[in-house]
Amino acid sequence: MNIVVISDKNNEARRENATQEFKKHNVEFRFFDAVMANRMSKEELDTKAIKDTFLSPSEIGCALSHCGVYDEFLNSDEKSIMICEDDIYFTEDFNYDSLLQIKEFLEETDEPRLVVLQKSIYHHKYIRSVGNNVNLYSTRNAFCTHGYMINRAGAENIKNLQTPVKFEIDAFKFYYWLDACKLYCLDKDLILQISEDIVPSTVEKLWKADRKSKKDASYKLIYNQLSLKGKLISQYRRLDKAIHKPFESLDY
């Protein structure tokens, strides 16, 4: 299986954490050196994201790192990839067999698909069992990129949307609304993030007063380029999410 862990090459503690987690389950992986945009000059950073971005340098770097993984993946012969960040741990429900069945689900179609390896309050329809009492569901949204799997079509679409970087790499609902990627989740958490008290996050957010308005503007940049059909799909999916918002829960 093609597994990559995004990690700052100079952060030995976080790399050791990831190494030990994978070692516990005898699962092979490789590191991808994270793009540390917070170390870039302002001039270089301005070339990586849209003008007047709401994103912090760390958020831009995070997006560039995942897009860098997509580039390597798309230049290979692989049909799917599992991507993790280095501040993770495997839960007691983690099992390699489920990963293999998710891999099969991703590779059976040319439809763009992304599966987060966690539960989601936005779960929708049951899709299938992926072994060991773990089930796959469609979802209207998801958050975080610490552990997910994606196929070629999904990676290509997200890379295209995020060049230049327009919003957080885990703005999954935007990918779904824009019909760039179908989203899926599980009814068990297989991979979670370690508490920041143990492994501090390296992604800093700038909670500016106009952050939401700038984020909405970034979305509209793409939405306005859609065909009439694309705009109707986007509006339907946004409405569908709004209708189901009062019923969102981790109860499956």
Protein backbone atom coordinates (compact mmCIF):
# COMPACT_ATOMS: atom_id res chain seq x y z
CA MET A 1 0.00 0.00 0.00
CA ASN A 2 1.14 3.51 -0.84
CA ILE A 3 1.37 5.38 2.50
CA VAL A 4 2.95 8.79 3.04
CA VAL A 5 3.41 10.77 6.25
CA ILE A 6 3.85 14.52 5.90
CA SER A 7 6.40 15.76 8.43
CA ASP A 8 8.83 18.58 9.12
CA LYS A 9 12.22 16.98 8.51
CA ASN A 10 13.68 18.97 11.40
CA ASN A 11 11.09 17.90 13.98
CA GLU A 12 12.57 14.71 15.38
CA ALA A 13 9.93 14.26 18.09
CA ARG A 14 7.01 14.26 15.66
CA ARG A 15 8.83 11.98 13.23
CA GLU A 16 9.59 9.54 16.01
CA ASN A 17 5.94 9.58 17.05
CA ALA A 18 4.80 8.60 13.56
CA THR A 19 7.53 5.99 13.23
CA GLN A 20 6.53 4.28 16.47
CA GLU A 21 2.81 4.28 15.61
CA PHE A 22 3.38 2.55 12.27
CA LYS A 23 5.91 0.19 13.83
CA LYS A 24 3.29 -1.08 16.30
CA HIS A 25 1.28 -2.46 13.38
CA ASN A 26 4.21 -3.43 11.14
CA VAL A 27 2.96 -1.07 8.44
CA GLU A 28 5.46 0.42 6.00
CA PHE A 29 5.35 4.09 5.04
CA ARG A 30 7.60 6.89 3.86
CA PHE A 31 8.01 10.50 4.93
CA PHE A 32 7.28 13.51 2.75
CA ASP A 33 9.16 16.62 3.85
CA ALA A 34 6.56 19.23 4.76
CA VAL A 35 6.63 22.61 3.06
CA MET A 36 7.44 25.07 5.83
CA ALA A 37 5.84 28.18 4.39
CA ASN A 38 6.29 30.04 7.67
CA ARG A 39 10.00 30.10 6.77
CA MET A 40 9.38 31.60 3.31
CA SER A 41 9.88 35.25 2.47
CA LYS A 42 6.73 37.30 2.02
CA GLU A 43 7.54 37.66 -1.68
CA GLU A 44 7.71 33.89 -2.19
CA LEU A 45 4.64 33.28 -0.05
CA ASP A 46 2.64 35.74 -2.16
CA THR A 47 3.18 33.50 -5.19
CA LYS A 48 1.72 30.43 -3.47
CA ALA A 49 -1.77 31.66 -2.55
CA ILE A 50 -4.41 33.95 -4.02
CA LYS A 51 -4.09 37.65 -3.41
CA ASP A 52 -5.37 38.96 -0.05
CA THR A 53 -5.65 35.46 1.39
CA PHE A 54 -7.15 34.82 4.82
CA LEU A 55 -4.75 31.94 5.42
CA SER A 56 -1.75 31.97 7.74
CA PRO A 57 1.68 30.96 6.38
CA SER A 58 1.38 27.64 8.24
CA GLU A 59 -2.00 26.91 6.63
CA ILE A 60 -0.56 27.70 3.21
CA GLY A 61 2.36 25.39 3.94
CA CYS A 62 0.00 22.62 4.98
CA ALA A 63 -1.92 22.94 1.71
CA LEU A 64 1.30 23.03 -0.32
CA SER A 65 2.53 19.92 1.47
CA HIS A 66 -0.56 17.88 0.63
CA CYS A 67 -0.52 19.16 -2.95
CA GLY A 68 3.14 18.16 -3.15
CA VAL A 69 2.18 14.63 -2.13
CA TYR A 70 -0.55 14.68 -4.80
CA ASP A 71 2.06 15.67 -7.41
CA GLU A 72 4.30 12.72 -6.55
CA PHE A 73 1.31 10.39 -6.43
CA LEU A 74 -0.03 11.53 -9.80
CA ASN A 75 3.40 11.07 -11.35
CA SER A 76 3.41 7.44 -10.22
CA ASP A 77 1.44 4.42 -11.40
CA GLU A 78 -0.41 4.13 -8.08
CA LYS A 79 -4.21 4.32 -8.13
CA SER A 80 -4.73 5.46 -4.53
CA ILE A 81 -2.75 6.76 -1.60
CA MET A 82 -3.07 6.99 2.18
CA ILE A 83 -1.85 10.30 3.60
CA CYS A 84 -1.16 11.00 7.27
CA GLU A 85 0.38 13.77 9.28
CA ASP A 86 2.93 13.07 11.99
CA ASP A 87 0.84 13.98 15.07
CA ILE A 88 -1.27 10.83 14.91
CA TYR A 89 -2.02 7.68 16.81
CA PHE A 90 -3.79 4.50 15.77
CA THR A 91 -6.87 3.59 17.79
CA GLU A 92 -7.77 0.12 19.03
CA ASP A 93 -10.08 -0.19 16.00
CA PHE A 94 -7.23 0.28 13.51
CA ASN A 95 -6.64 -2.68 11.25
CA TYR A 96 -4.77 -3.10 8.00
CA ASP A 97 -7.48 -5.21 6.40
CA SER A 98 -9.91 -2.28 6.50
CA LEU A 99 -7.32 -0.11 4.74
CA LEU A 100 -7.04 -2.68 1.97
CA GLN A 101 -10.80 -2.75 1.50
CA ILE A 102 -10.97 1.05 1.42
CA LYS A 103 -8.17 0.99 -1.15
CA GLU A 104 -10.29 -1.36 -3.27
CA PHE A 105 -13.28 0.99 -2.94
CA LEU A 106 -11.19 3.94 -4.11
CA GLU A 107 -9.68 2.12 -7.06
CA GLU A 108 -12.83 0.50 -8.45
CA THR A 109 -13.94 3.68 -10.22
CA ASP A 110 -12.74 6.82 -11.99
CA GLU A 111 -15.07 8.86 -9.77
CA PRO A 112 -13.09 11.21 -7.49
CA ARG A 113 -13.27 9.78 -3.97
CA LEU A 114 -11.77 10.67 -0.59
CA VAL A 115 -12.19 8.66 2.62
CA VAL A 116 -11.34 10.12 6.03
CA LEU A 117 -10.27 7.40 8.43
CA GLN A 118 -12.51 8.64 11.20
CA LYS A 119 -16.12 9.04 12.19
CA SER A 120 -17.99 12.17 11.12
CA ILE A 121 -21.07 13.96 12.40
CA TYR A 122 -21.86 14.59 8.73
CA HIS A 123 -22.26 10.90 7.82
CA HIS A 124 -25.05 10.25 5.38
CA LYS A 125 -25.73 6.93 3.63
CA TYR A 126 -24.32 3.51 4.46
CA ILE A 127 -22.15 2.30 1.57
CA ARG A 128 -20.60 -1.03 2.56
CA SER A 129 -18.68 -2.94 5.18
CA VAL A 130 -14.91 -2.57 5.01
CA GLY A 131 -14.19 -5.42 7.41
CA ASN A 132 -13.67 -5.98 11.13
CA ASN A 133 -16.92 -4.25 12.12
CA VAL A 134 -15.91 -1.08 10.27
CA ASN A 135 -18.42 0.42 7.84
CA LEU A 136 -18.13 3.04 5.13
CA TYR A 137 -20.59 5.94 4.80
CA SER A 138 -20.98 8.84 2.42
CA THR A 139 -20.63 12.21 4.13
CA ARG A 140 -21.53 15.83 3.38
CA ASN A 141 -18.41 17.21 5.06
CA ALA A 142 -15.33 16.27 7.03
CA PHE A 143 -12.44 17.97 8.76
CA CYS A 144 -8.73 17.41 9.30
CA THR A 145 -6.13 15.76 7.10
CA HIS A 146 -4.28 13.74 9.73
CA GLY A 147 -5.41 10.44 8.19
CA TYR A 148 -7.25 9.92 4.89
CA MET A 149 -7.14 7.99 1.61
CA ILE A 150 -7.78 9.34 -1.86
CA ASN A 151 -7.78 8.13 -5.46
CA ARG A 152 -6.17 9.69 -8.51
CA ALA A 153 -9.21 11.62 -9.71
CA GLY A 154 -9.78 13.12 -6.27
CA ALA A 155 -6.14 14.15 -5.86
CA GLU A 156 -6.02 15.70 -9.32
CA ASN A 157 -9.20 17.72 -8.78
CA ILE A 158 -8.14 19.04 -5.38
CA LYS A 159 -4.67 19.92 -6.68
CA ASN A 160 -6.22 21.89 -9.53
CA LEU A 161 -8.59 23.74 -7.18
CA GLN A 162 -5.78 24.57 -4.77
CA THR A 163 -3.35 25.97 -7.34
CA PRO A 164 -2.81 28.63 -6.18
CA VAL A 165 -3.91 27.92 -2.60
CA LYS A 166 -7.36 29.36 -1.94
CA PHE A 167 -8.48 27.85 1.38
CA GLU A 168 -7.45 25.29 3.97
CA ILE A 169 -6.54 21.90 2.52
CA ASP A 170 -9.19 20.27 4.74
CA ALA A 171 -12.05 22.47 3.46
CA PHE A 172 -13.61 19.21 2.32
CA LYS A 173 -17.12 20.59 2.04
CA PHE A 174 -15.92 22.95 -0.68
CA TYR A 175 -14.57 20.04 -2.71
CA TYR A 176 -17.91 18.29 -2.30
CA TRP A 177 -20.02 21.36 -3.15
CA LEU A 178 -17.88 22.07 -6.21
CA ASP A 179 -18.27 18.44 -7.35
CA ALA A 180 -14.51 17.94 -7.23
CA CYS A 181 -14.62 14.98 -4.87
CA LYS A 182 -17.11 12.62 -3.24
CA LEU A 183 -16.54 12.34 0.50
CA TYR A 184 -16.71 9.25 2.69
CA CYS A 185 -16.15 8.49 6.36
CA LEU A 186 -16.21 5.49 8.70
CA ASP A 187 -18.27 4.54 11.73
CA LYS A 188 -15.06 3.86 13.68
CA ASP A 189 -12.08 6.11 14.30
CA LEU A 190 -9.00 4.36 12.92
CA ILE A 191 -6.56 7.28 13.15
CA LEU A 192 -6.77 10.31 15.44
CA GLN A 193 -4.61 13.28 16.36
CA ILE A 194 -2.58 13.31 19.53
CA SER A 195 -3.49 16.05 22.00
CA GLU A 196 -1.67 19.33 21.42
CA ASP A 197 -0.54 19.10 25.06
CA ILE A 198 1.58 16.13 23.98
CA VAL A 199 2.48 17.10 20.42
CA PRO A 200 1.84 20.83 19.77
CA SER A 201 0.31 21.72 16.41
CA THR A 202 2.57 23.41 13.87
CA VAL A 203 -0.33 25.02 12.00
CA GLU A 204 -1.19 28.52 13.19
CA LYS A 205 -4.43 30.17 12.15
CA LEU A 206 -5.03 33.88 11.82
CA TRP A 207 -8.52 34.48 13.15
CA LYS A 208 -9.04 37.83 11.47
CA ALA A 209 -12.40 39.54 11.74
CA ASP A 210 -12.88 39.21 8.00
CA ARG A 211 -11.67 35.62 7.75
CA LYS A 212 -15.11 34.20 6.93
CA SER A 213 -15.89 36.79 4.27
CA LYS A 214 -12.52 36.24 2.60
CA LYS A 215 -13.01 32.47 2.73
CA ASP A 216 -16.44 32.83 1.10
CA ALA A 217 -14.88 35.03 -1.57
CA SER A 218 -12.27 32.34 -2.26
CA TYR A 219 -15.04 29.79 -2.75
CA LYS A 220 -16.94 32.11 -5.09
CA LEU A 221 -13.86 32.50 -7.29
CA ILE A 222 -14.32 28.86 -8.28
CA TYR A 223 -18.11 28.74 -8.07
CA ASN A 224 -18.47 31.58 -10.57
CA GLN A 225 -16.48 29.57 -13.12
CA LEU A 226 -18.83 26.58 -12.94
CA SER A 227 -21.31 25.65 -15.63
CA LEU A 228 -25.00 26.09 -14.91
CA LYS A 229 -25.19 22.38 -14.04
CA GLY A 230 -22.21 22.73 -11.71
CA LYS A 231 -23.79 25.69 -9.94
CA LEU A 232 -27.05 23.78 -9.48
CA ILE A 233 -25.16 20.82 -7.98
CA SER A 234 -23.31 23.16 -5.63
CA GLN A 235 -26.49 24.91 -4.49
CA TYR A 236 -28.31 21.61 -3.96
CA ARG A 237 -25.48 20.19 -1.84
CA ARG A 238 -25.25 23.33 0.28
CA LEU A 239 -29.00 23.27 0.83
CA ASP A 240 -28.95 19.56 1.64
CA LYS A 241 -26.27 20.12 4.27
CA ALA A 242 -28.21 23.03 5.80
CA ILE A 243 -31.42 20.96 6.00
CA HIS A 244 -29.67 18.13 7.83
CA LYS A 245 -27.63 20.36 10.17
CA PRO A 246 -30.06 19.99 13.14
CA PHE A 247 -29.69 16.20 12.97
CA GLU A 248 -25.90 15.98 12.85
CA SER A 249 -24.47 13.60 15.41
CA LEU A 250 -21.75 11.02 15.94
CA ASP A 251 -24.51 8.48 16.49
CA TYR A 252 -24.70 6.11 13.51
